[in-house]
Amino acid sequence: MKFRLRQMEVFRAVMLTGSINGASRLLFTSQPAISRIVAHTEQTLGLALFNRVKGKLVPTPEAEALFREVEDFYQHALQVDEFSQNLAQGPSGMLSVSASPCLSKGLMPRAITRFLKRHPGIRIHFHETLLNHMAQEILSNKVDLAVSVLPLEHANLVASPFTQGRMVCVVPRGHELGRQDRVGIKDLAGYPIIAHDPGIPFGQLVAAAFRKAGATIKTRVDIHQTDSACALVRAGAGIAMVDEFTVEGLAWSDLQVLPLAEEILLTPSVVRSRFDPGRTHADRFIEVLIEQAAEDEARRAAID
């Protein structure tokens, strides 16, 4: 067998990530080791798989054709692995799911609970993850699917939007802004803001909203997690613009949630590998997630 399984794994990782460095991170293997395996593979197969152009690896037509065969083989191997696990567990199974932190306080717990009531024999592994980790988790099959609150673009991923939410303003109960039915971004400019770090996607979203409104954001505290922003508002450190998914999952009666006059939409999506042929447990979970999200969205609309 000239093309060994380890060589297939490394070749697939390079094709998915587009670089030796990316394959190294995906497989938790050193870059020199990845380079050696790629070179050895080209030598044993007698094929030039990549052209080196300005320091980048560009797949040859032969590599593209080989990748299609390797991916078919890899997905079949995953199905065999899943089948063997299901045999060991009897009439049950395992589903691995990750989600953005802000979806993990309300929507995801409700959807998971709903799913487990319908499929009590299935065990779920669930964890929060950040946007910049999702692609690696999905493509390395650490998770069967991810649920992202913000857009995730990757050539080898498919993102399917399934609901909508909005950014809202959170203030301590009794705050003077709480007398308004809705607040505009310019209304917020006169108050100290607890804001997402400008280097992360939510921070960029908030900063763009302030720029569009022609307002200056007066940041008092930079945060990375929305629930931290809510906790700081609760403690009196300032006010915050956050996603409504997080505040739905927090039972803090001393916070007041105010709609924004400017509509800043969020469109969560289910993210899966482009090469995923579909797995029964994952497909069923997505159906339940869509149902739960529709109910949540209808409830929010009724409150508005």
C-alpha atoms as a PDB file:
ATOM      1  CA  MET A   1       0.000   0.000   0.000  1.00  0.00           C
ATOM      2  CA  LYS A   2       1.838   3.093  -1.243  1.00  0.00           C
ATOM      3  CA  PHE A   3      -0.621   5.657   0.086  1.00  0.00           C
ATOM      4  CA  ARG A   4      -0.828   4.940   3.806  1.00  0.00           C
ATOM      5  CA  LEU A   5      -3.570   6.095   6.172  1.00  0.00           C
ATOM      6  CA  ARG A   6      -1.318   8.584   7.966  1.00  0.00           C
ATOM      7  CA  GLN A   7      -0.320  10.088   4.623  1.00  0.00           C
ATOM      8  CA  MET A   8      -3.996  10.411   3.684  1.00  0.00           C
ATOM      9  CA  GLU A   9      -4.727  12.129   6.979  1.00  0.00           C
ATOM     10  CA  VAL A  10      -1.906  14.646   6.517  1.00  0.00           C
ATOM     11  CA  PHE A  11      -2.746  15.245   2.846  1.00  0.00           C
ATOM     12  CA  ARG A  12      -6.398  15.863   3.758  1.00  0.00           C
ATOM     13  CA  ALA A  13      -5.410  18.289   6.530  1.00  0.00           C
ATOM     14  CA  VAL A  14      -3.201  20.306   4.164  1.00  0.00           C
ATOM     15  CA  MET A  15      -5.982  20.457   1.575  1.00  0.00           C
ATOM     16  CA  LEU A  16      -8.562  21.549   4.153  1.00  0.00           C
ATOM     17  CA  THR A  17      -6.445  24.230   5.794  1.00  0.00           C
ATOM     18  CA  GLY A  18      -4.417  25.328   2.773  1.00  0.00           C
ATOM     19  CA  SER A  19      -1.048  25.281   4.509  1.00  0.00           C
ATOM     20  CA  ILE A  20       1.526  23.221   6.393  1.00  0.00           C
ATOM     21  CA  ASN A  21       0.988  25.445   9.422  1.00  0.00           C
ATOM     22  CA  GLY A  22      -2.773  24.909   9.323  1.00  0.00           C
ATOM     23  CA  ALA A  23      -2.385  21.144   8.983  1.00  0.00           C
ATOM     24  CA  SER A  24       0.052  21.182  11.889  1.00  0.00           C
ATOM     25  CA  ARG A  25      -2.515  22.873  14.132  1.00  0.00           C
ATOM     26  CA  LEU A  26      -5.344  20.647  12.946  1.00  0.00           C
ATOM     27  CA  LEU A  27      -3.434  17.433  13.627  1.00  0.00           C
ATOM     28  CA  PHE A  28      -1.438  18.657  16.649  1.00  0.00           C
ATOM     29  CA  THR A  29       1.764  17.675  14.849  1.00  0.00           C
ATOM     30  CA  SER A  30       4.919  19.709  14.250  1.00  0.00           C
ATOM     31  CA  GLN A  31       5.309  21.569  10.966  1.00  0.00           C
ATOM     32  CA  PRO A  32       8.562  19.757  10.045  1.00  0.00           C
ATOM     33  CA  ALA A  33       6.797  16.405  10.509  1.00  0.00           C
ATOM     34  CA  ILE A  34       3.929  17.510   8.244  1.00  0.00           C
ATOM     35  CA  SER A  35       6.399  18.736   5.608  1.00  0.00           C
ATOM     36  CA  ARG A  36       8.298  15.430   5.689  1.00  0.00           C
ATOM     37  CA  ILE A  37       5.121  13.394   5.261  1.00  0.00           C
ATOM     38  CA  VAL A  38       3.956  15.554   2.350  1.00  0.00           C
ATOM     39  CA  ALA A  39       7.342  15.247   0.634  1.00  0.00           C
ATOM     40  CA  HIS A  40       7.453  11.481   1.246  1.00  0.00           C
ATOM     41  CA  THR A  41       3.912  11.113  -0.105  1.00  0.00           C
ATOM     42  CA  GLU A  42       4.808  12.939  -3.312  1.00  0.00           C
ATOM     43  CA  GLN A  43       7.892  10.748  -3.686  1.00  0.00           C
ATOM     44  CA  THR A  44       6.149   7.411  -3.077  1.00  0.00           C
ATOM     45  CA  LEU A  45       3.167   8.254  -5.284  1.00  0.00           C
ATOM     46  CA  GLY A  46       5.299   9.788  -8.004  1.00  0.00           C
ATOM     47  CA  LEU A  47       3.012  12.823  -8.078  1.00  0.00           C
ATOM     48  CA  ALA A  48       3.546  16.522  -7.566  1.00  0.00           C
ATOM     49  CA  LEU A  49       0.695  17.354  -5.197  1.00  0.00           C
ATOM     50  CA  PHE A  50       1.499  20.979  -4.482  1.00  0.00           C
ATOM     51  CA  ASN A  51       3.242  23.836  -6.226  1.00  0.00           C
ATOM     52  CA  ARG A  52       5.104  26.271  -3.992  1.00  0.00           C
ATOM     53  CA  VAL A  53       4.046  29.762  -5.108  1.00  0.00           C
ATOM     54  CA  LYS A  54       5.313  32.748  -3.098  1.00  0.00           C
ATOM     55  CA  GLY A  55       5.564  30.641   0.024  1.00  0.00           C
ATOM     56  CA  LYS A  56       2.090  29.143  -0.359  1.00  0.00           C
ATOM     57  CA  LEU A  57       1.020  25.608  -1.244  1.00  0.00           C
ATOM     58  CA  VAL A  58      -1.177  25.506  -4.339  1.00  0.00           C
ATOM     59  CA  PRO A  59      -2.784  22.092  -5.042  1.00  0.00           C
ATOM     60  CA  THR A  60      -2.123  20.583  -8.451  1.00  0.00           C
ATOM     61  CA  PRO A  61      -5.020  19.167 -10.533  1.00  0.00           C
ATOM     62  CA  GLU A  62      -3.833  15.696  -9.456  1.00  0.00           C
ATOM     63  CA  ALA A  63      -4.101  16.735  -5.806  1.00  0.00           C
ATOM     64  CA  GLU A  64      -7.642  18.042  -6.326  1.00  0.00           C
ATOM     65  CA  ALA A  65      -8.684  14.747  -7.920  1.00  0.00           C
ATOM     66  CA  LEU A  66      -6.975  12.716  -5.194  1.00  0.00           C
ATOM     67  CA  PHE A  67      -8.594  14.821  -2.485  1.00  0.00           C
ATOM     68  CA  ARG A  68     -12.077  13.917  -3.691  1.00  0.00           C
ATOM     69  CA  GLU A  69     -11.260  10.220  -3.340  1.00  0.00           C
ATOM     70  CA  VAL A  70      -9.590  10.691   0.046  1.00  0.00           C
ATOM     71  CA  GLU A  71     -12.548  12.678   1.364  1.00  0.00           C
ATOM     72  CA  ASP A  72     -15.008   9.978   0.276  1.00  0.00           C
ATOM     73  CA  PHE A  73     -12.837   7.395   2.038  1.00  0.00           C
ATOM     74  CA  TYR A  74     -12.534   9.555   5.163  1.00  0.00           C
ATOM     75  CA  GLN A  75     -16.265  10.162   5.458  1.00  0.00           C
ATOM     76  CA  HIS A  76     -16.941   6.445   5.046  1.00  0.00           C
ATOM     77  CA  ALA A  77     -14.417   5.742   7.816  1.00  0.00           C
ATOM     78  CA  LEU A  78     -16.276   8.186  10.070  1.00  0.00           C
ATOM     79  CA  GLN A  79     -19.536   6.379   9.368  1.00  0.00           C
ATOM     80  CA  VAL A  80     -17.905   3.062  10.275  1.00  0.00           C
ATOM     81  CA  ASP A  81     -16.548   4.607  13.481  1.00  0.00           C
ATOM     82  CA  GLU A  82     -19.961   6.020  14.385  1.00  0.00           C
ATOM     83  CA  PHE A  83     -21.594   2.675  13.602  1.00  0.00           C
ATOM     84  CA  SER A  84     -19.145   0.831  15.859  1.00  0.00           C
ATOM     85  CA  GLN A  85     -19.782   3.274  18.716  1.00  0.00           C
ATOM     86  CA  ASN A  86     -23.526   2.867  18.322  1.00  0.00           C
ATOM     87  CA  LEU A  87     -23.151  -0.915  18.403  1.00  0.00           C
ATOM     88  CA  ALA A  88     -21.247  -0.656  21.668  1.00  0.00           C
ATOM     89  CA  GLN A  89     -23.861   1.638  23.197  1.00  0.00           C
ATOM     90  CA  GLY A  90     -26.891  -0.329  22.046  1.00  0.00           C
ATOM     91  CA  PRO A  91     -29.973   1.590  20.848  1.00  0.00           C
ATOM     92  CA  SER A  92     -28.404   4.924  21.650  1.00  0.00           C
ATOM     93  CA  GLY A  93     -25.543   7.066  20.431  1.00  0.00           C
ATOM     94  CA  MET A  94     -23.424  10.148  20.929  1.00  0.00           C
ATOM     95  CA  LEU A  95     -23.770  13.663  19.555  1.00  0.00           C
ATOM     96  CA  SER A  96     -21.096  16.329  19.973  1.00  0.00           C
ATOM     97  CA  VAL A  97     -22.170  19.969  19.682  1.00  0.00           C
ATOM     98  CA  SER A  98     -20.524  23.326  20.344  1.00  0.00           C
ATOM     99  CA  ALA A  99     -22.020  26.814  20.351  1.00  0.00           C
ATOM    100  CA  SER A 100     -21.186  30.474  20.762  1.00  0.00           C
ATOM    101  CA  PRO A 101     -21.193  31.439  24.462  1.00  0.00           C
ATOM    102  CA  CYS A 102     -24.144  33.807  24.058  1.00  0.00           C
ATOM    103  CA  LEU A 103     -26.312  30.976  22.688  1.00  0.00           C
ATOM    104  CA  SER A 104     -25.269  28.673  25.525  1.00  0.00           C
ATOM    105  CA  LYS A 105     -27.234  30.455  28.255  1.00  0.00           C
ATOM    106  CA  GLY A 106     -30.768  30.024  26.920  1.00  0.00           C
ATOM    107  CA  LEU A 107     -31.397  28.689  23.418  1.00  0.00           C
ATOM    108  CA  MET A 108     -28.980  25.755  23.510  1.00  0.00           C
ATOM    109  CA  PRO A 109     -29.983  24.428  26.972  1.00  0.00           C
ATOM    110  CA  ARG A 110     -33.643  24.558  25.941  1.00  0.00           C
ATOM    111  CA  ALA A 111     -32.961  22.842  22.610  1.00  0.00           C
ATOM    112  CA  ILE A 112     -30.771  20.152  24.200  1.00  0.00           C
ATOM    113  CA  THR A 113     -33.383  19.409  26.865  1.00  0.00           C
ATOM    114  CA  ARG A 114     -36.094  19.191  24.224  1.00  0.00           C
ATOM    115  CA  PHE A 115     -33.956  16.851  22.128  1.00  0.00           C
ATOM    116  CA  LEU A 116     -33.164  14.559  25.062  1.00  0.00           C
ATOM    117  CA  LYS A 117     -36.848  14.211  25.907  1.00  0.00           C
ATOM    118  CA  ARG A 118     -37.465  12.895  22.398  1.00  0.00           C
ATOM    119  CA  HIS A 119     -34.286  10.824  22.187  1.00  0.00           C
ATOM    120  CA  PRO A 120     -33.486   9.695  25.752  1.00  0.00           C
ATOM    121  CA  GLY A 121     -30.942   7.112  24.615  1.00  0.00           C
ATOM    122  CA  ILE A 122     -28.605   9.656  23.061  1.00  0.00           C
ATOM    123  CA  ARG A 123     -25.775  11.189  25.052  1.00  0.00           C
ATOM    124  CA  ILE A 124     -24.705  14.738  24.180  1.00  0.00           C
ATOM    125  CA  HIS A 125     -21.287  16.292  24.589  1.00  0.00           C
ATOM    126  CA  PHE A 126     -21.764  20.070  24.628  1.00  0.00           C
ATOM    127  CA  HIS A 127     -19.355  22.942  25.147  1.00  0.00           C
ATOM    128  CA  GLU A 128     -19.021  26.645  24.429  1.00  0.00           C
ATOM    129  CA  THR A 129     -16.507  27.728  21.827  1.00  0.00           C
ATOM    130  CA  LEU A 130     -15.324  30.946  20.211  1.00  0.00           C
ATOM    131  CA  LEU A 131     -15.842  31.832  16.571  1.00  0.00           C
ATOM    132  CA  ASN A 132     -12.155  31.490  15.693  1.00  0.00           C
ATOM    133  CA  HIS A 133     -12.062  27.919  17.063  1.00  0.00           C
ATOM    134  CA  MET A 134     -15.167  26.588  15.329  1.00  0.00           C
ATOM    135  CA  ALA A 135     -13.674  25.720  11.952  1.00  0.00           C
ATOM    136  CA  GLN A 136     -10.896  23.607  13.454  1.00  0.00           C
ATOM    137  CA  GLU A 137     -13.292  21.802  15.798  1.00  0.00           C
ATOM    138  CA  ILE A 138     -15.642  20.909  12.932  1.00  0.00           C
ATOM    139  CA  LEU A 139     -13.006  19.938  10.380  1.00  0.00           C
ATOM    140  CA  SER A 140     -11.098  17.824  12.909  1.00  0.00           C
ATOM    141  CA  ASN A 141     -14.406  16.120  13.825  1.00  0.00           C
ATOM    142  CA  LYS A 142     -14.159  17.184  17.441  1.00  0.00           C
ATOM    143  CA  VAL A 143     -17.817  18.159  17.056  1.00  0.00           C
ATOM    144  CA  ASP A 144     -20.569  17.005  14.713  1.00  0.00           C
ATOM    145  CA  LEU A 145     -21.864  20.543  14.343  1.00  0.00           C
ATOM    146  CA  ALA A 146     -21.495  24.023  15.784  1.00  0.00           C
ATOM    147  CA  VAL A 147     -24.033  26.776  16.334  1.00  0.00           C
ATOM    148  CA  SER A 148     -22.645  30.258  15.732  1.00  0.00           C
ATOM    149  CA  VAL A 149     -24.291  33.573  16.562  1.00  0.00           C
ATOM    150  CA  LEU A 150     -22.124  35.440  14.037  1.00  0.00           C
ATOM    151  CA  PRO A 151     -21.278  34.652  10.394  1.00  0.00           C
ATOM    152  CA  LEU A 152     -18.532  32.092   9.863  1.00  0.00           C
ATOM    153  CA  GLU A 153     -17.021  31.902   6.396  1.00  0.00           C
ATOM    154  CA  HIS A 154     -14.771  29.031   5.375  1.00  0.00           C
ATOM    155  CA  ALA A 155     -14.393  27.256   2.038  1.00  0.00           C
ATOM    156  CA  ASN A 156     -14.969  23.849   3.625  1.00  0.00           C
ATOM    157  CA  LEU A 157     -17.859  24.755   5.919  1.00  0.00           C
ATOM    158  CA  VAL A 158     -21.567  25.230   5.278  1.00  0.00           C
ATOM    159  CA  ALA A 159     -23.428  27.701   7.506  1.00  0.00           C
ATOM    160  CA  SER A 160     -27.238  27.494   7.531  1.00  0.00           C
ATOM    161  CA  PRO A 161     -29.040  30.427   9.220  1.00  0.00           C
ATOM    162  CA  PHE A 162     -32.061  29.324  11.267  1.00  0.00           C
ATOM    163  CA  THR A 163     -33.271  32.267  13.367  1.00  0.00           C
ATOM    164  CA  GLN A 164     -32.807  35.967  14.069  1.00  0.00           C
ATOM    165  CA  GLY A 165     -32.060  38.068  17.098  1.00  0.00           C
ATOM    166  CA  ARG A 166     -31.088  41.639  17.862  1.00  0.00           C
ATOM    167  CA  MET A 167     -28.707  43.705  19.891  1.00  0.00           C
ATOM    168  CA  VAL A 168     -30.309  45.378  22.910  1.00  0.00           C
ATOM    169  CA  CYS A 169     -29.297  47.802  25.651  1.00  0.00           C
ATOM    170  CA  VAL A 170     -28.930  46.588  29.240  1.00  0.00           C
ATOM    171  CA  VAL A 171     -29.158  49.056  32.139  1.00  0.00           C
ATOM    172  CA  PRO A 172     -29.582  48.708  35.913  1.00  0.00           C
ATOM    173  CA  ARG A 173     -33.247  48.758  36.888  1.00  0.00           C
ATOM    174  CA  GLY A 174     -34.159  52.322  37.849  1.00  0.00           C
ATOM    175  CA  HIS A 175     -31.690  53.873  35.372  1.00  0.00           C
ATOM    176  CA  GLU A 176     -32.963  57.053  33.689  1.00  0.00           C
ATOM    177  CA  LEU A 177     -32.805  55.429  30.240  1.00  0.00           C
ATOM    178  CA  GLY A 178     -35.285  52.859  31.495  1.00  0.00           C
ATOM    179  CA  ARG A 179     -38.077  55.433  31.174  1.00  0.00           C
ATOM    180  CA  GLN A 180     -37.818  55.213  27.380  1.00  0.00           C
ATOM    181  CA  ASP A 181     -39.571  52.524  25.338  1.00  0.00           C
ATOM    182  CA  ARG A 182     -36.582  52.407  22.989  1.00  0.00           C
ATOM    183  CA  VAL A 183     -33.151  53.964  23.109  1.00  0.00           C
ATOM    184  CA  GLY A 184     -31.060  55.199  20.234  1.00  0.00           C
ATOM    185  CA  ILE A 185     -27.331  54.677  19.986  1.00  0.00           C
ATOM    186  CA  LYS A 186     -26.812  58.420  20.382  1.00  0.00           C
ATOM    187  CA  ASP A 187     -28.702  58.168  23.688  1.00  0.00           C
ATOM    188  CA  LEU A 188     -26.032  55.748  24.909  1.00  0.00           C
ATOM    189  CA  ALA A 189     -23.131  57.987  23.935  1.00  0.00           C
ATOM    190  CA  GLY A 190     -23.490  60.096  27.064  1.00  0.00           C
ATOM    191  CA  TYR A 191     -22.983  57.157  29.420  1.00  0.00           C
ATOM    192  CA  PRO A 192     -19.995  54.953  30.303  1.00  0.00           C
ATOM    193  CA  ILE A 193     -20.217  51.803  28.211  1.00  0.00           C
ATOM    194  CA  ILE A 194     -19.180  48.262  29.030  1.00  0.00           C
ATOM    195  CA  ALA A 195     -18.202  47.057  25.571  1.00  0.00           C
ATOM    196  CA  HIS A 196     -16.844  43.985  23.865  1.00  0.00           C
ATOM    197  CA  ASP A 197     -13.150  44.220  23.094  1.00  0.00           C
ATOM    198  CA  PRO A 198     -12.738  45.966  19.696  1.00  0.00           C
ATOM    199  CA  GLY A 199     -10.529  43.119  18.501  1.00  0.00           C
ATOM    200  CA  ILE A 200     -13.318  40.508  18.604  1.00  0.00           C
ATOM    201  CA  PRO A 201     -16.328  40.220  16.245  1.00  0.00           C
ATOM    202  CA  PHE A 202     -18.934  41.510  18.712  1.00  0.00           C
ATOM    203  CA  GLY A 203     -16.707  44.479  19.526  1.00  0.00           C
ATOM    204  CA  GLN A 204     -16.386  45.283  15.834  1.00  0.00           C
ATOM    205  CA  LEU A 205     -20.165  45.016  15.442  1.00  0.00           C
ATOM    206  CA  VAL A 206     -20.831  47.481  18.270  1.00  0.00           C
ATOM    207  CA  ALA A 207     -18.122  49.892  17.102  1.00  0.00           C
ATOM    208  CA  ALA A 208     -19.586  49.862  13.573  1.00  0.00           C
ATOM    209  CA  ALA A 209     -23.058  50.640  14.958  1.00  0.00           C
ATOM    210  CA  PHE A 210     -21.719  53.667  16.851  1.00  0.00           C
ATOM    211  CA  ARG A 211     -19.855  54.899  13.759  1.00  0.00           C
ATOM    212  CA  LYS A 212     -22.969  54.537  11.606  1.00  0.00           C
ATOM    213  CA  ALA A 213     -24.980  56.543  14.140  1.00  0.00           C
ATOM    214  CA  GLY A 214     -22.287  59.227  14.251  1.00  0.00           C
ATOM    215  CA  ALA A 215     -21.796  58.650  17.972  1.00  0.00           C
ATOM    216  CA  THR A 216     -18.664  58.217  20.066  1.00  0.00           C
ATOM    217  CA  ILE A 217     -18.447  55.183  22.311  1.00  0.00           C
ATOM    218  CA  LYS A 218     -17.120  55.947  25.806  1.00  0.00           C
ATOM    219  CA  THR A 219     -15.813  52.585  26.896  1.00  0.00           C
ATOM    220  CA  ARG A 220     -15.262  52.087  30.615  1.00  0.00           C
ATOM    221  CA  VAL A 221     -14.614  48.322  30.597  1.00  0.00           C
ATOM    222  CA  ASP A 222     -13.624  46.017  27.720  1.00  0.00           C
ATOM    223  CA  ILE A 223     -15.024  42.489  28.021  1.00  0.00           C
ATOM    224  CA  HIS A 224     -14.996  39.295  25.960  1.00  0.00           C
ATOM    225  CA  GLN A 225     -18.159  37.583  27.222  1.00  0.00           C
ATOM    226  CA  THR A 226     -21.626  39.115  27.173  1.00  0.00           C
ATOM    227  CA  ASP A 227     -22.610  37.660  30.540  1.00  0.00           C
ATOM    228  CA  SER A 228     -19.621  39.522  32.019  1.00  0.00           C
ATOM    229  CA  ALA A 229     -21.024  42.749  30.582  1.00  0.00           C
ATOM    230  CA  CYS A 230     -24.389  42.047  32.211  1.00  0.00           C
ATOM    231  CA  ALA A 231     -22.733  41.297  35.559  1.00  0.00           C
ATOM    232  CA  LEU A 232     -20.834  44.590  35.387  1.00  0.00           C
ATOM    233  CA  VAL A 233     -24.009  46.505  34.535  1.00  0.00           C
ATOM    234  CA  ARG A 234     -25.692  44.832  37.474  1.00  0.00           C
ATOM    235  CA  ALA A 235     -22.837  45.957  39.739  1.00  0.00           C
ATOM    236  CA  GLY A 236     -23.194  49.552  38.550  1.00  0.00           C
ATOM    237  CA  ALA A 237     -20.112  49.866  36.334  1.00  0.00           C
ATOM    238  CA  GLY A 238     -22.049  51.260  33.370  1.00  0.00           C
ATOM    239  CA  ILE A 239     -24.502  50.248  30.656  1.00  0.00           C
ATOM    240  CA  ALA A 240     -23.984  47.827  27.770  1.00  0.00           C
ATOM    241  CA  MET A 241     -25.123  46.903  24.287  1.00  0.00           C
ATOM    242  CA  VAL A 242     -25.462  43.110  24.151  1.00  0.00           C
ATOM    243  CA  ASP A 243     -27.210  40.343  22.235  1.00  0.00           C
ATOM    244  CA  GLU A 244     -30.714  39.413  23.355  1.00  0.00           C
ATOM    245  CA  PHE A 245     -29.882  35.683  23.352  1.00  0.00           C
ATOM    246  CA  THR A 246     -27.671  36.100  26.408  1.00  0.00           C
ATOM    247  CA  VAL A 247     -30.124  38.169  28.422  1.00  0.00           C
ATOM    248  CA  GLU A 248     -32.849  35.614  27.659  1.00  0.00           C
ATOM    249  CA  GLY A 249     -30.782  33.062  29.525  1.00  0.00           C
ATOM    250  CA  LEU A 250     -30.052  35.221  32.592  1.00  0.00           C
ATOM    251  CA  ALA A 251     -32.601  35.562  35.392  1.00  0.00           C
ATOM    252  CA  TRP A 252     -31.445  38.903  36.808  1.00  0.00           C
ATOM    253  CA  SER A 253     -34.454  40.918  37.927  1.00  0.00           C
ATOM    254  CA  ASP A 254     -32.323  43.970  38.721  1.00  0.00           C
ATOM    255  CA  LEU A 255     -31.443  44.458  35.040  1.00  0.00           C
ATOM    256  CA  GLN A 256     -33.663  46.162  32.485  1.00  0.00           C
ATOM    257  CA  VAL A 257     -33.460  45.241  28.805  1.00  0.00           C
ATOM    258  CA  LEU A 258     -34.280  48.057  26.384  1.00  0.00           C
ATOM    259  CA  PRO A 259     -34.871  47.666  22.636  1.00  0.00           C
ATOM    260  CA  LEU A 260     -32.634  49.744  20.388  1.00  0.00           C
ATOM    261  CA  ALA A 261     -34.144  52.237  17.970  1.00  0.00           C
ATOM    262  CA  GLU A 262     -31.601  51.075  15.388  1.00  0.00           C
ATOM    263  CA  GLU A 263     -32.134  47.453  14.385  1.00  0.00           C
ATOM    264  CA  ILE A 264     -28.866  45.521  14.607  1.00  0.00           C
ATOM    265  CA  LEU A 265     -29.701  42.006  13.493  1.00  0.00           C
ATOM    266  CA  LEU A 266     -27.944  38.779  14.450  1.00  0.00           C
ATOM    267  CA  THR A 267     -28.498  35.657  12.371  1.00  0.00           C
ATOM    268  CA  PRO A 268     -27.329  32.490  14.160  1.00  0.00           C
ATOM    269  CA  SER A 269     -26.480  29.531  11.950  1.00  0.00           C
ATOM    270  CA  VAL A 270     -25.772  25.827  12.170  1.00  0.00           C
ATOM    271  CA  VAL A 271     -22.269  25.148  10.860  1.00  0.00           C
ATOM    272  CA  ARG A 272     -21.185  21.771   9.459  1.00  0.00           C
ATOM    273  CA  SER A 273     -18.414  20.418   7.289  1.00  0.00           C
ATOM    274  CA  ARG A 274     -19.037  20.679   3.561  1.00  0.00           C
ATOM    275  CA  PHE A 275     -17.971  17.043   3.351  1.00  0.00           C
ATOM    276  CA  ASP A 276     -20.354  15.807   6.041  1.00  0.00           C
ATOM    277  CA  PRO A 277     -22.812  13.388   4.392  1.00  0.00           C
ATOM    278  CA  GLY A 278     -25.240  13.935   7.264  1.00  0.00           C
ATOM    279  CA  ARG A 279     -25.623  11.954  10.446  1.00  0.00           C
ATOM    280  CA  THR A 280     -29.006  10.964  11.830  1.00  0.00           C
ATOM    281  CA  HIS A 281     -28.478  12.291  15.364  1.00  0.00           C
ATOM    282  CA  ALA A 282     -27.163  15.634  14.097  1.00  0.00           C
ATOM    283  CA  ASP A 283     -30.006  16.032  11.608  1.00  0.00           C
ATOM    284  CA  ARG A 284     -32.577  15.326  14.318  1.00  0.00           C
ATOM    285  CA  PHE A 285     -30.927  17.784  16.675  1.00  0.00           C
ATOM    286  CA  ILE A 286     -31.042  20.512  14.029  1.00  0.00           C
ATOM    287  CA  GLU A 287     -34.783  19.919  13.585  1.00  0.00           C
ATOM    288  CA  VAL A 288     -35.320  20.375  17.327  1.00  0.00           C
ATOM    289  CA  LEU A 289     -33.046  23.438  17.431  1.00  0.00           C
ATOM    290  CA  ILE A 290     -35.061  25.111  14.663  1.00  0.00           C
ATOM    291  CA  GLU A 291     -38.314  24.369  16.506  1.00  0.00           C
ATOM    292  CA  GLN A 292     -36.985  25.810  19.761  1.00  0.00           C
ATOM    293  CA  ALA A 293     -35.561  28.893  18.057  1.00  0.00           C
ATOM    294  CA  ALA A 294     -38.901  29.571  16.339  1.00  0.00           C
ATOM    295  CA  GLU A 295     -40.709  29.413  19.690  1.00  0.00           C
ATOM    296  CA  ASP A 296     -38.143  31.716  21.297  1.00  0.00           C
ATOM    297  CA  GLU A 297     -38.395  34.188  18.420  1.00  0.00           C
ATOM    298  CA  ALA A 298     -42.210  34.216  18.642  1.00  0.00           C
ATOM    299  CA  ARG A 299     -42.010  34.850  22.388  1.00  0.00           C
ATOM    300  CA  ARG A 300     -39.645  37.788  21.885  1.00  0.00           C
ATOM    301  CA  ALA A 301     -41.941  39.246  19.212  1.00  0.00           C
ATOM    302  CA  ALA A 302     -44.924  39.005  21.568  1.00  0.00           C
ATOM    303  CA  ILE A 303     -43.015  40.906  24.271  1.00  0.00           C
ATOM    304  CA  ASP A 304     -42.024  43.652  21.809  1.00  0.00           C
END
